[in-house]
PDB file of N, CA and C in Angstrom:
ATOM      1  N   MET A   1     105.020 107.899 109.333  1.00  0.00           N
ATOM      2  CA  MET A   1     105.704 109.411 108.739  1.00  0.00           C
ATOM      3  C   MET A   1     106.742 109.128 108.090  1.00  0.00           C
ATOM      4  N   THR A   2     107.106 109.634 107.045  1.00  0.00           N
ATOM      5  CA  THR A   2     108.264 109.715 106.286  1.00  0.00           C
ATOM      6  C   THR A   2     108.972 111.261 106.380  1.00  0.00           C
ATOM      7  N   ASP A   3     110.500 110.896 105.635  1.00  0.00           N
ATOM      8  CA  ASP A   3     111.036 112.377 105.356  1.00  0.00           C
ATOM      9  C   ASP A   3     110.835 112.568 103.940  1.00  0.00           C
ATOM     10  N   GLY A   4     111.158 113.399 103.575  1.00  0.00           N
ATOM     11  CA  GLY A   4     111.533 113.222 102.220  1.00  0.00           C
ATOM     12  C   GLY A   4     112.368 112.396 101.324  1.00  0.00           C
ATOM     13  N   ASN A   5     113.451 111.704 102.265  1.00  0.00           N
ATOM     14  CA  ASN A   5     114.427 110.253 101.499  1.00  0.00           C
ATOM     15  C   ASN A   5     113.675 109.397 101.672  1.00  0.00           C
ATOM     16  N   CYS A   6     112.328 108.872 102.065  1.00  0.00           N
ATOM     17  CA  CYS A   6     111.669 108.005 102.414  1.00  0.00           C
ATOM     18  C   CYS A   6     111.886 106.913 103.407  1.00  0.00           C
ATOM     19  N   ARG A   7     112.870 107.864 104.543  1.00  0.00           N
ATOM     20  CA  ARG A   7     113.037 106.977 105.545  1.00  0.00           C
ATOM     21  C   ARG A   7     111.966 107.249 106.784  1.00  0.00           C
ATOM     22  N   PRO A   8     111.512 106.194 107.436  1.00  0.00           N
ATOM     23  CA  PRO A   8     110.696 106.348 108.576  1.00  0.00           C
ATOM     24  C   PRO A   8     111.281 107.302 109.531  1.00  0.00           C
ATOM     25  N   VAL A   9     110.306 108.209 110.121  1.00  0.00           N
ATOM     26  CA  VAL A   9     110.647 109.104 111.251  1.00  0.00           C
ATOM     27  C   VAL A   9     109.419 108.582 112.359  1.00  0.00           C
ATOM     28  N   ALA A  10     108.306 108.254 112.343  1.00  0.00           N
ATOM     29  CA  ALA A  10     107.858 107.662 113.692  1.00  0.00           C
ATOM     30  C   ALA A  10     106.621 106.356 112.916  1.00  0.00           C
ATOM     31  N   PHE A  11     106.013 105.697 113.721  1.00  0.00           N
ATOM     32  CA  PHE A  11     104.867 105.054 113.367  1.00  0.00           C
ATOM     33  C   PHE A  11     104.138 104.731 114.733  1.00  0.00           C
ATOM     34  N   LEU A  12     102.781 104.700 114.147  1.00  0.00           N
ATOM     35  CA  LEU A  12     101.873 104.490 115.397  1.00  0.00           C
ATOM     36  C   LEU A  12     100.717 103.242 114.712  1.00  0.00           C
ATOM     37  N   LEU A  13     100.707 102.509 115.624  1.00  0.00           N
ATOM     38  CA  LEU A  13      99.909 101.433 115.049  1.00  0.00           C
ATOM     39  C   LEU A  13      98.394 101.382 115.757  1.00  0.00           C
ATOM     40  N   THR A  14      97.380 101.186 114.877  1.00  0.00           N
ATOM     41  CA  THR A  14      96.047 101.609 115.435  1.00  0.00           C
ATOM     42  C   THR A  14      95.091 100.062 115.251  1.00  0.00           C
ATOM     43  N   GLY A  15      94.088 100.250 115.235  1.00  0.00           N
ATOM     44  CA  GLY A  15      92.969  99.383 114.895  1.00  0.00           C
ATOM     45  C   GLY A  15      92.626  99.578 113.329  1.00  0.00           C
ATOM     46  N   GLY A  16      92.018  98.542 112.840  1.00  0.00           N
ATOM     47  CA  GLY A  16      91.730  98.584 111.555  1.00  0.00           C
ATOM     48  C   GLY A  16      90.507  99.477 111.386  1.00  0.00           C
ATOM     49  N   GLN A  17      89.928  99.882 112.351  1.00  0.00           N
ATOM     50  CA  GLN A  17      88.542 100.851 111.964  1.00  0.00           C
ATOM     51  C   GLN A  17      88.767 101.980 112.683  1.00  0.00           C
ATOM     52  N   VAL A  18      90.157 102.500 113.345  1.00  0.00           N
ATOM     53  CA  VAL A  18      90.262 103.607 113.486  1.00  0.00           C
ATOM     54  C   VAL A  18      90.352 104.677 112.392  1.00  0.00           C
ATOM     55  N   ALA A  19      89.765 105.509 112.186  1.00  0.00           N
ATOM     56  CA  ALA A  19      90.230 107.140 111.458  1.00  0.00           C
ATOM     57  C   ALA A  19      91.525 107.270 111.193  1.00  0.00           C
ATOM     58  N   ASP A  20      91.641 107.860 110.111  1.00  0.00           N
ATOM     59  CA  ASP A  20      93.482 108.326 109.665  1.00  0.00           C
ATOM     60  C   ASP A  20      93.612 109.218 110.360  1.00  0.00           C
ATOM     61  N   CYS A  21      92.500 110.300 110.452  1.00  0.00           N
ATOM     62  CA  CYS A  21      92.728 111.701 111.367  1.00  0.00           C
ATOM     63  C   CYS A  21      93.225 112.090 112.628  1.00  0.00           C
ATOM     64  N   LYS A  22      92.027 110.580 113.382  1.00  0.00           N
ATOM     65  CA  LYS A  22      92.689 110.269 114.586  1.00  0.00           C
ATOM     66  C   LYS A  22      94.063 110.158 114.760  1.00  0.00           C
ATOM     67  N   ALA A  23      94.353 109.060 114.282  1.00  0.00           N
ATOM     68  CA  ALA A  23      96.104 108.564 114.290  1.00  0.00           C
ATOM     69  C   ALA A  23      96.793 110.128 113.964  1.00  0.00           C
ATOM     70  N   GLY A  24      96.545 110.796 113.130  1.00  0.00           N
ATOM     71  CA  GLY A  24      97.044 111.621 112.417  1.00  0.00           C
ATOM     72  C   GLY A  24      97.482 112.939 113.744  1.00  0.00           C
ATOM     73  N   ASP A  25      96.859 113.176 114.595  1.00  0.00           N
ATOM     74  CA  ASP A  25      97.101 113.962 115.673  1.00  0.00           C
ATOM     75  C   ASP A  25      98.122 113.602 116.739  1.00  0.00           C
ATOM     76  N   ALA A  26      98.426 112.139 116.527  1.00  0.00           N
ATOM     77  CA  ALA A  26      99.303 111.825 117.429  1.00  0.00           C
ATOM     78  C   ALA A  26     100.568 111.517 116.507  1.00  0.00           C
ATOM     79  N   LEU A  27     100.632 111.404 115.235  1.00  0.00           N
ATOM     80  CA  LEU A  27     101.278 111.342 114.835  1.00  0.00           C
ATOM     81  C   LEU A  27     102.193 112.914 114.365  1.00  0.00           C
ATOM     82  N   LEU A  28     101.464 114.340 114.602  1.00  0.00           N
ATOM     83  CA  LEU A  28     101.934 115.197 114.056  1.00  0.00           C
ATOM     84  C   LEU A  28     103.027 115.949 115.289  1.00  0.00           C
ATOM     85  N   GLU A  29     102.711 115.222 116.534  1.00  0.00           N
ATOM     86  CA  GLU A  29     103.186 115.780 117.823  1.00  0.00           C
ATOM     87  C   GLU A  29     105.128 115.302 117.586  1.00  0.00           C
ATOM     88  N   GLN A  30     105.175 114.147 116.731  1.00  0.00           N
ATOM     89  CA  GLN A  30     106.778 114.141 116.124  1.00  0.00           C
ATOM     90  C   GLN A  30     106.998 114.196 115.139  1.00  0.00           C
ATOM     91  N   MET A  31     106.445 115.010 114.304  1.00  0.00           N
ATOM     92  CA  MET A  31     106.891 115.779 113.431  1.00  0.00           C
ATOM     93  C   MET A  31     108.048 116.748 113.329  1.00  0.00           C
ATOM     94  N   PRO A  32     109.148 116.695 112.512  1.00  0.00           N
ATOM     95  CA  PRO A  32     109.773 117.395 112.475  1.00  0.00           C
ATOM     96  C   PRO A  32     109.956 118.608 111.415  1.00  0.00           C
ATOM     97  N   SER A  33     110.399 119.758 111.956  1.00  0.00           N
ATOM     98  CA  SER A  33     110.088 120.745 111.010  1.00  0.00           C
ATOM     99  C   SER A  33     110.280 120.673 109.569  1.00  0.00           C
ATOM    100  N   ALA A  34     109.303 121.326 108.933  1.00  0.00           N
ATOM    101  CA  ALA A  34     109.094 121.012 107.396  1.00  0.00           C
ATOM    102  C   ALA A  34     108.414 121.949 106.996  1.00  0.00           C
ATOM    103  N   ALA A  35     108.858 122.242 105.674  1.00  0.00           N
ATOM    104  CA  ALA A  35     108.013 123.510 104.998  1.00  0.00           C
ATOM    105  C   ALA A  35     106.727 123.008 104.908  1.00  0.00           C
ATOM    106  N   ILE A  36     106.530 121.419 104.282  1.00  0.00           N
ATOM    107  CA  ILE A  36     104.989 121.214 103.256  1.00  0.00           C
ATOM    108  C   ILE A  36     104.910 119.762 104.022  1.00  0.00           C
ATOM    109  N   LEU A  37     104.055 119.599 104.223  1.00  0.00           N
ATOM    110  CA  LEU A  37     103.114 118.431 105.013  1.00  0.00           C
ATOM    111  C   LEU A  37     102.462 117.759 103.813  1.00  0.00           C
ATOM    112  N   THR A  38     102.594 116.639 103.035  1.00  0.00           N
ATOM    113  CA  THR A  38     102.061 116.054 102.314  1.00  0.00           C
ATOM    114  C   THR A  38     101.077 114.901 102.907  1.00  0.00           C
ATOM    115  N   GLY A  39      99.835 114.905 102.800  1.00  0.00           N
ATOM    116  CA  GLY A  39      99.123 113.742 103.304  1.00  0.00           C
ATOM    117  C   GLY A  39      97.986 113.137 102.106  1.00  0.00           C
ATOM    118  N   ASP A  40      97.427 112.367 102.843  1.00  0.00           N
ATOM    119  CA  ASP A  40      96.390 111.548 101.590  1.00  0.00           C
ATOM    120  C   ASP A  40      94.812 112.049 102.117  1.00  0.00           C
ATOM    121  N   LYS A  41      93.784 111.916 101.415  1.00  0.00           N
ATOM    122  CA  LYS A  41      92.575 112.443 101.972  1.00  0.00           C
ATOM    123  C   LYS A  41      91.937 111.901 103.212  1.00  0.00           C
ATOM    124  N   GLY A  42      92.557 110.891 103.744  1.00  0.00           N
ATOM    125  CA  GLY A  42      92.080 110.101 105.123  1.00  0.00           C
ATOM    126  C   GLY A  42      92.180 111.442 106.390  1.00  0.00           C
ATOM    127  N   TYR A  43      93.613 112.331 106.005  1.00  0.00           N
ATOM    128  CA  TYR A  43      93.876 113.273 106.671  1.00  0.00           C
ATOM    129  C   TYR A  43      93.198 114.522 106.676  1.00  0.00           C
ATOM    130  N   ASP A  44      92.532 114.482 105.650  1.00  0.00           N
ATOM    131  CA  ASP A  44      91.584 116.211 105.492  1.00  0.00           C
ATOM    132  C   ASP A  44      90.595 116.157 106.850  1.00  0.00           C
ATOM    133  N   SER A  45      91.082 116.748 107.714  1.00  0.00           N
ATOM    134  CA  SER A  45      90.209 117.672 108.773  1.00  0.00           C
ATOM    135  C   SER A  45      90.537 118.612 109.230  1.00  0.00           C
ATOM    136  N   ASN A  46      89.502 119.728 109.494  1.00  0.00           N
ATOM    137  CA  ASN A  46      90.209 121.030 110.143  1.00  0.00           C
ATOM    138  C   ASN A  46      91.217 120.726 111.259  1.00  0.00           C
ATOM    139  N   ALA A  47      91.071 119.739 112.087  1.00  0.00           N
ATOM    140  CA  ALA A  47      92.140 119.954 113.378  1.00  0.00           C
ATOM    141  C   ALA A  47      93.662 119.596 112.877  1.00  0.00           C
ATOM    142  N   ILE A  48      93.455 118.492 112.234  1.00  0.00           N
ATOM    143  CA  ILE A  48      94.948 118.364 111.519  1.00  0.00           C
ATOM    144  C   ILE A  48      95.752 119.455 110.981  1.00  0.00           C
ATOM    145  N   ARG A  49      94.977 120.361 109.995  1.00  0.00           N
ATOM    146  CA  ARG A  49      95.352 121.500 109.311  1.00  0.00           C
ATOM    147  C   ARG A  49      95.605 122.371 109.765  1.00  0.00           C
ATOM    148  N   ARG A  50      94.720 122.890 111.131  1.00  0.00           N
ATOM    149  CA  ARG A  50      95.373 124.083 112.161  1.00  0.00           C
ATOM    150  C   ARG A  50      96.513 123.270 112.982  1.00  0.00           C
ATOM    151  N   LYS A  51      96.642 122.424 113.346  1.00  0.00           N
ATOM    152  CA  LYS A  51      97.754 122.014 113.733  1.00  0.00           C
ATOM    153  C   LYS A  51      99.349 121.912 112.992  1.00  0.00           C
ATOM    154  N   VAL A  52      98.962 121.196 111.709  1.00  0.00           N
ATOM    155  CA  VAL A  52      99.996 121.394 110.982  1.00  0.00           C
ATOM    156  C   VAL A  52     100.740 122.739 110.867  1.00  0.00           C
ATOM    157  N   GLU A  53      99.613 123.869 110.277  1.00  0.00           N
ATOM    158  CA  GLU A  53     100.135 125.336 110.395  1.00  0.00           C
ATOM    159  C   GLU A  53     100.662 125.698 111.660  1.00  0.00           C
ATOM    160  N   ALA A  54     100.155 125.427 112.693  1.00  0.00           N
ATOM    161  CA  ALA A  54     100.731 125.819 113.926  1.00  0.00           C
ATOM    162  C   ALA A  54     101.941 125.295 114.374  1.00  0.00           C
ATOM    163  N   ARG A  55     102.379 124.127 113.575  1.00  0.00           N
ATOM    164  CA  ARG A  55     104.054 123.890 113.407  1.00  0.00           C
ATOM    165  C   ARG A  55     105.071 124.964 112.591  1.00  0.00           C
ATOM    166  N   GLY A  56     104.228 125.475 111.831  1.00  0.00           N
ATOM    167  CA  GLY A  56     104.831 126.433 110.466  1.00  0.00           C
ATOM    168  C   GLY A  56     104.994 125.779 109.369  1.00  0.00           C
ATOM    169  N   ALA A  57     104.203 124.612 108.929  1.00  0.00           N
ATOM    170  CA  ALA A  57     104.202 123.676 107.970  1.00  0.00           C
ATOM    171  C   ALA A  57     103.171 124.182 106.819  1.00  0.00           C
ATOM    172  N   MET A  58     102.699 124.061 105.936  1.00  0.00           N
ATOM    173  CA  MET A  58     101.716 124.116 104.994  1.00  0.00           C
ATOM    174  C   MET A  58     101.469 122.842 104.619  1.00  0.00           C
ATOM    175  N   PRO A  59     100.210 122.161 105.134  1.00  0.00           N
ATOM    176  CA  PRO A  59      99.411 121.100 104.637  1.00  0.00           C
ATOM    177  C   PRO A  59      99.066 121.283 103.235  1.00  0.00           C
ATOM    178  N   ASN A  60      99.685 119.965 102.786  1.00  0.00           N
ATOM    179  CA  ASN A  60      98.965 119.893 101.293  1.00  0.00           C
ATOM    180  C   ASN A  60      98.294 118.387 100.799  1.00  0.00           C
ATOM    181  N   ILE A  61      97.172 118.393 101.107  1.00  0.00           N
ATOM    182  CA  ILE A  61      96.135 117.107 101.291  1.00  0.00           C
ATOM    183  C   ILE A  61      95.136 117.667 100.344  1.00  0.00           C
ATOM    184  N   PRO A  62      94.764 116.642  99.670  1.00  0.00           N
ATOM    185  CA  PRO A  62      93.395 116.815  98.716  1.00  0.00           C
ATOM    186  C   PRO A  62      92.040 116.913  99.241  1.00  0.00           C
ATOM    187  N   PRO A  63      90.965 117.654  98.998  1.00  0.00           N
ATOM    188  CA  PRO A  63      89.934 117.857  99.823  1.00  0.00           C
ATOM    189  C   PRO A  63      89.090 116.734  99.643  1.00  0.00           C
ATOM    190  N   LYS A  64      88.623 116.359 100.788  1.00  0.00           N
ATOM    191  CA  LYS A  64      87.181 115.129 100.505  1.00  0.00           C
ATOM    192  C   LYS A  64      86.515 115.595  99.327  1.00  0.00           C
ATOM    193  N   ARG A  65      85.864 114.551  99.018  1.00  0.00           N
ATOM    194  CA  ARG A  65      84.814 114.982  98.330  1.00  0.00           C
ATOM    195  C   ARG A  65      83.675 115.515  98.630  1.00  0.00           C
ATOM    196  N   ASN A  66      83.371 115.413  99.913  1.00  0.00           N
ATOM    197  CA  ASN A  66      81.894 115.758 100.859  1.00  0.00           C
ATOM    198  C   ASN A  66      81.954 117.150 101.359  1.00  0.00           C
ATOM    199  N   ARG A  67      83.725 117.360 101.317  1.00  0.00           N
ATOM    200  CA  ARG A  67      83.978 118.895 101.691  1.00  0.00           C
ATOM    201  C   ARG A  67      83.100 120.101 101.288  1.00  0.00           C
ATOM    202  N   ARG A  68      82.850 121.022 101.700  1.00  0.00           N
ATOM    203  CA  ARG A  68      82.179 122.389 101.274  1.00  0.00           C
ATOM    204  C   ARG A  68      83.205 123.449 100.562  1.00  0.00           C
ATOM    205  N   TRP A  69      84.021 123.481 101.699  1.00  0.00           N
ATOM    206  CA  TRP A  69      85.284 124.264 101.864  1.00  0.00           C
ATOM    207  C   TRP A  69      86.339 123.865 100.912  1.00  0.00           C
ATOM    208  N   LYS A  70      86.777 123.777  99.821  1.00  0.00           N
ATOM    209  CA  LYS A  70      88.036 123.333  99.185  1.00  0.00           C
ATOM    210  C   LYS A  70      88.842 124.200  99.423  1.00  0.00           C
ATOM    211  N   ASN A  71      89.919 123.482 100.121  1.00  0.00           N
ATOM    212  CA  ASN A  71      91.248 123.937 100.429  1.00  0.00           C
ATOM    213  C   ASN A  71      92.270 124.008  99.130  1.00  0.00           C
ATOM    214  N   CYS A  72      93.002 125.105  99.496  1.00  0.00           N
ATOM    215  CA  CYS A  72      94.680 125.135  97.943  1.00  0.00           C
ATOM    216  C   CYS A  72      94.973 123.690  98.233  1.00  0.00           C
ATOM    217  N   PHE A  73      95.485 122.996  97.357  1.00  0.00           N
ATOM    218  CA  PHE A  73      95.856 122.198  96.606  1.00  0.00           C
ATOM    219  C   PHE A  73      96.815 121.894  95.466  1.00  0.00           C
ATOM    220  N   SER A  74      97.989 121.544  95.979  1.00  0.00           N
ATOM    221  CA  SER A  74      98.759 121.467  94.684  1.00  0.00           C
ATOM    222  C   SER A  74      99.010 119.801  94.102  1.00  0.00           C
ATOM    223  N   PRO A  75      98.575 119.286  92.953  1.00  0.00           N
ATOM    224  CA  PRO A  75      98.527 118.490  92.563  1.00  0.00           C
ATOM    225  C   PRO A  75     100.416 117.965  92.416  1.00  0.00           C
ATOM    226  N   HIS A  76     101.038 118.922  92.108  1.00  0.00           N
ATOM    227  CA  HIS A  76     102.245 118.947  91.555  1.00  0.00           C
ATOM    228  C   HIS A  76     102.742 118.489  92.741  1.00  0.00           C
ATOM    229  N   LEU A  77     102.889 118.965  93.796  1.00  0.00           N
ATOM    230  CA  LEU A  77     103.787 118.788  95.370  1.00  0.00           C
ATOM    231  C   LEU A  77     103.084 117.175  95.862  1.00  0.00           C
ATOM    232  N   TYR A  78     102.042 117.188  95.500  1.00  0.00           N
ATOM    233  CA  TYR A  78     101.423 115.792  96.124  1.00  0.00           C
ATOM    234  C   TYR A  78     101.710 114.385  95.515  1.00  0.00           C
ATOM    235  N   ARG A  79     102.872 114.615  94.177  1.00  0.00           N
ATOM    236  CA  ARG A  79     103.849 113.747  93.874  1.00  0.00           C
ATOM    237  C   ARG A  79     104.537 113.106  94.988  1.00  0.00           C
ATOM    238  N   ASP A  80     104.835 113.800  95.792  1.00  0.00           N
ATOM    239  CA  ASP A  80     106.031 113.488  96.953  1.00  0.00           C
ATOM    240  C   ASP A  80     105.297 112.460  97.728  1.00  0.00           C
ATOM    241  N   ARG A  81     104.048 112.778  97.691  1.00  0.00           N
ATOM    242  CA  ARG A  81     103.351 111.646  98.447  1.00  0.00           C
ATOM    243  C   ARG A  81     103.601 109.938  98.422  1.00  0.00           C
ATOM    244  N   ASN A  82     104.476 109.650  97.576  1.00  0.00           N
ATOM    245  CA  ASN A  82     104.596 108.287  97.009  1.00  0.00           C
ATOM    246  C   ASN A  82     105.928 108.016  97.846  1.00  0.00           C
ATOM    247  N   ALA A  83     106.742 108.745  98.626  1.00  0.00           N
ATOM    248  CA  ALA A  83     107.570 108.088  99.806  1.00  0.00           C
ATOM    249  C   ALA A  83     106.878 107.397 101.054  1.00  0.00           C
ATOM    250  N   ILE A  84     106.093 107.705 101.154  1.00  0.00           N
ATOM    251  CA  ILE A  84     105.288 107.269 102.178  1.00  0.00           C
ATOM    252  C   ILE A  84     104.755 105.646 101.527  1.00  0.00           C
ATOM    253  N   GLU A  85     104.452 105.397 100.566  1.00  0.00           N
ATOM    254  CA  GLU A  85     104.255 104.240  99.776  1.00  0.00           C
ATOM    255  C   GLU A  85     105.783 103.522  99.387  1.00  0.00           C
ATOM    256  N   ARG A  86     106.706 103.556  99.038  1.00  0.00           N
ATOM    257  CA  ARG A  86     108.099 103.289  98.868  1.00  0.00           C
ATOM    258  C   ARG A  86     108.563 102.956 100.337  1.00  0.00           C
ATOM    259  N   MET A  87     108.195 103.363 101.419  1.00  0.00           N
ATOM    260  CA  MET A  87     108.687 102.993 102.660  1.00  0.00           C
ATOM    261  C   MET A  87     108.027 101.919 102.839  1.00  0.00           C
ATOM    262  N   PHE A  88     106.756 101.789 102.986  1.00  0.00           N
ATOM    263  CA  PHE A  88     106.005 100.286 103.021  1.00  0.00           C
ATOM    264  C   PHE A  88     106.217  99.382 102.604  1.00  0.00           C
ATOM    265  N   CYS A  89     106.305  99.599 101.355  1.00  0.00           N
ATOM    266  CA  CYS A  89     106.764  98.984  99.938  1.00  0.00           C
ATOM    267  C   CYS A  89     108.257  98.192 100.594  1.00  0.00           C
ATOM    268  N   ARG A  90     109.323  98.902 101.166  1.00  0.00           N
ATOM    269  CA  ARG A  90     110.306  98.132 101.339  1.00  0.00           C
ATOM    270  C   ARG A  90     110.581  97.984 102.732  1.00  0.00           C
ATOM    271  N   LEU A  91     109.509  97.677 103.445  1.00  0.00           N
ATOM    272  CA  LEU A  91     109.559  97.516 104.807  1.00  0.00           C
ATOM    273  C   LEU A  91     108.680  95.844 104.910  1.00  0.00           C
ATOM    274  N   LYS A  92     107.894  95.855 103.668  1.00  0.00           N
ATOM    275  CA  LYS A  92     106.646  94.818 103.541  1.00  0.00           C
ATOM    276  C   LYS A  92     107.991  93.670 102.696  1.00  0.00           C
ATOM    277  N   ASP A  93     109.425  93.943 102.791  1.00  0.00           N
ATOM    278  CA  ASP A  93     110.208  93.070 102.071  1.00  0.00           C
ATOM    279  C   ASP A  93     110.443  91.797 103.173  1.00  0.00           C
ATOM    280  N   PHE A  94     110.246  92.168 104.392  1.00  0.00           N
ATOM    281  CA  PHE A  94     110.658  91.390 105.508  1.00  0.00           C
ATOM    282  C   PHE A  94     109.088  90.856 105.890  1.00  0.00           C
ATOM    283  N   ARG A  95     109.201  89.202 105.196  1.00  0.00           N
ATOM    284  CA  ARG A  95     108.353  88.456 105.577  1.00  0.00           C
ATOM    285  C   ARG A  95     107.067  88.664 106.721  1.00  0.00           C
ATOM    286  N   ARG A  96     108.038  88.540 107.873  1.00  0.00           N
ATOM    287  CA  ARG A  96     107.103  88.730 109.065  1.00  0.00           C
ATOM    288  C   ARG A  96     106.304  89.929 109.004  1.00  0.00           C
ATOM    289  N   ILE A  97     106.711  91.265 108.593  1.00  0.00           N
ATOM    290  CA  ILE A  97     105.998  92.638 108.364  1.00  0.00           C
ATOM    291  C   ILE A  97     104.662  92.177 107.482  1.00  0.00           C
ATOM    292  N   ALA A  98     105.162  91.717 106.339  1.00  0.00           N
ATOM    293  CA  ALA A  98     104.044  91.454 105.506  1.00  0.00           C
ATOM    294  C   ALA A  98     102.925  90.434 105.387  1.00  0.00           C
ATOM    295  N   THR A  99     103.334  89.709 106.301  1.00  0.00           N
ATOM    296  CA  THR A  99     102.196  88.346 106.890  1.00  0.00           C
ATOM    297  C   THR A  99     101.446  88.984 108.308  1.00  0.00           C
ATOM    298  N   ARG A 100     102.229  89.890 108.915  1.00  0.00           N
ATOM    299  CA  ARG A 100     101.788  89.843 110.415  1.00  0.00           C
ATOM    300  C   ARG A 100     101.908  88.383 111.025  1.00  0.00           C
ATOM    301  N   TYR A 101     102.886  88.171 111.362  1.00  0.00           N
ATOM    302  CA  TYR A 101     102.875  86.974 112.157  1.00  0.00           C
ATOM    303  C   TYR A 101     102.773  87.039 113.508  1.00  0.00           C
ATOM    304  N   ASP A 102     103.077  88.046 114.070  1.00  0.00           N
ATOM    305  CA  ASP A 102     102.805  88.703 115.555  1.00  0.00           C
ATOM    306  C   ASP A 102     101.417  88.867 115.677  1.00  0.00           C
ATOM    307  N   ARG A 103     101.260  88.530 116.722  1.00  0.00           N
ATOM    308  CA  ARG A 103      99.557  88.330 117.450  1.00  0.00           C
ATOM    309  C   ARG A 103      99.349  89.543 118.363  1.00  0.00           C
ATOM    310  N   LEU A 104     100.520  89.977 119.059  1.00  0.00           N
ATOM    311  CA  LEU A 104     100.279  91.045 120.039  1.00  0.00           C
ATOM    312  C   LEU A 104     100.821  92.396 119.266  1.00  0.00           C
ATOM    313  N   ALA A 105     100.156  93.572 119.123  1.00  0.00           N
ATOM    314  CA  ALA A 105     100.402  94.894 118.599  1.00  0.00           C
ATOM    315  C   ALA A 105     101.740  95.424 119.134  1.00  0.00           C
ATOM    316  N   VAL A 106     101.961  95.185 120.172  1.00  0.00           N
ATOM    317  CA  VAL A 106     103.227  95.439 120.859  1.00  0.00           C
ATOM    318  C   VAL A 106     104.406  94.761 120.197  1.00  0.00           C
ATOM    319  N   ASN A 107     103.990  93.566 120.374  1.00  0.00           N
ATOM    320  CA  ASN A 107     105.433  92.638 119.065  1.00  0.00           C
ATOM    321  C   ASN A 107     105.477  93.049 117.715  1.00  0.00           C
ATOM    322  N   PHE A 108     104.665  93.213 117.184  1.00  0.00           N
ATOM    323  CA  PHE A 108     104.498  93.734 115.976  1.00  0.00           C
ATOM    324  C   PHE A 108     104.966  94.738 115.845  1.00  0.00           C
ATOM    325  N   LEU A 109     104.759  95.779 116.289  1.00  0.00           N
ATOM    326  CA  LEU A 109     105.390  97.017 116.066  1.00  0.00           C
ATOM    327  C   LEU A 109     107.032  97.155 116.613  1.00  0.00           C
ATOM    328  N   ALA A 110     107.145  96.451 117.442  1.00  0.00           N
ATOM    329  CA  ALA A 110     108.627  96.233 117.714  1.00  0.00           C
ATOM    330  C   ALA A 110     109.397  95.454 116.240  1.00  0.00           C
ATOM    331  N   ALA A 111     108.524  94.445 115.530  1.00  0.00           N
ATOM    332  CA  ALA A 111     109.351  94.456 114.385  1.00  0.00           C
ATOM    333  C   ALA A 111     109.461  95.004 113.457  1.00  0.00           C
ATOM    334  N   VAL A 112     108.131  95.787 113.338  1.00  0.00           N
ATOM    335  CA  VAL A 112     108.516  96.943 112.592  1.00  0.00           C
ATOM    336  C   VAL A 112     109.193  98.052 112.771  1.00  0.00           C
ATOM    337  N   CYS A 113     109.703  98.264 114.021  1.00  0.00           N
ATOM    338  CA  CYS A 113     110.562  99.363 113.980  1.00  0.00           C
ATOM    339  C   CYS A 113     111.962  98.570 113.687  1.00  0.00           C
ATOM    340  N   LEU A 114     112.082  97.250 114.495  1.00  0.00           N
ATOM    341  CA  LEU A 114     113.425  96.660 113.674  1.00  0.00           C
ATOM    342  C   LEU A 114     113.917  96.528 112.376  1.00  0.00           C
ATOM    343  N   ALA A 115     112.646  96.273 111.759  1.00  0.00           N
ATOM    344  CA  ALA A 115     112.945  96.431 110.276  1.00  0.00           C
ATOM    345  C   ALA A 115     113.544  97.374 109.676  1.00  0.00           C
ATOM    346  N   ALA A 116     112.766  98.424 110.273  1.00  0.00           N
ATOM    347  CA  ALA A 116     112.811  99.841 109.384  1.00  0.00           C
ATOM    348  C   ALA A 116     114.355 100.009 109.929  1.00  0.00           C
ATOM    349  N   THR A 117     114.864 100.193 111.242  1.00  0.00           N
ATOM    350  CA  THR A 117     116.366 100.152 111.502  1.00  0.00           C
ATOM    351  C   THR A 117     117.326  99.519 110.631  1.00  0.00           C
ATOM    352  N   VAL A 118     116.991  97.943 110.675  1.00  0.00           N
ATOM    353  CA  VAL A 118     118.269  97.606 109.332  1.00  0.00           C
ATOM    354  C   VAL A 118     117.656  98.211 108.068  1.00  0.00           C
ATOM    355  N   SER A 119     116.397  98.193 107.686  1.00  0.00           N
ATOM    356  CA  SER A 119     116.691  98.688 106.491  1.00  0.00           C
ATOM    357  C   SER A 119     117.260 100.206 106.467  1.00  0.00           C
ATOM    358  N   TYR A 120     116.656 101.093 106.698  1.00  0.00           N
ATOM    359  CA  TYR A 120     117.386 102.545 106.688  1.00  0.00           C
ATOM    360  C   TYR A 120     118.224 103.218 107.341  1.00  0.00           C
ATOM    361  N   TRP A 121     118.530 103.026 108.668  1.00  0.00           N
ATOM    362  CA  TRP A 121     119.537 103.445 109.627  1.00  0.00           C
ATOM    363  C   TRP A 121     120.381 102.407 109.493  1.00  0.00           C
ATOM    364  N   LEU A 122     120.708 101.265 109.523  1.00  0.00           N
ATOM    365  CA  LEU A 122     121.973 100.878 109.719  1.00  0.00           C
ATOM    366  C   LEU A 122     122.961 100.947 108.124  1.00  0.00           C
TER     367      LEU A 122
END
């Protein structure tokens, strides 16, 4: 999760087979106050939409192709979603993060947090 300035707000490390919408619930607990939350199609679930709306924000998530009810979605506002991509690209400048040298998930998450602190907050 990032803020509007591409700075990381929260990280959650999951397995490769875990769906994005399951990880999204845990990340929303750490969401700062915002007017609009932009996410990709992987976060298109009714539970996430309700949780975002309960926190006082409007979800701007494109609907999945198989969804019967197509929600309100703004492609113009969706352009701001590249903030998360820019944040990941900046973190991957660190070779340890890009190649995932660490075998343990705890060590890898610590390296990601350290790289984010050095890149964005110092």
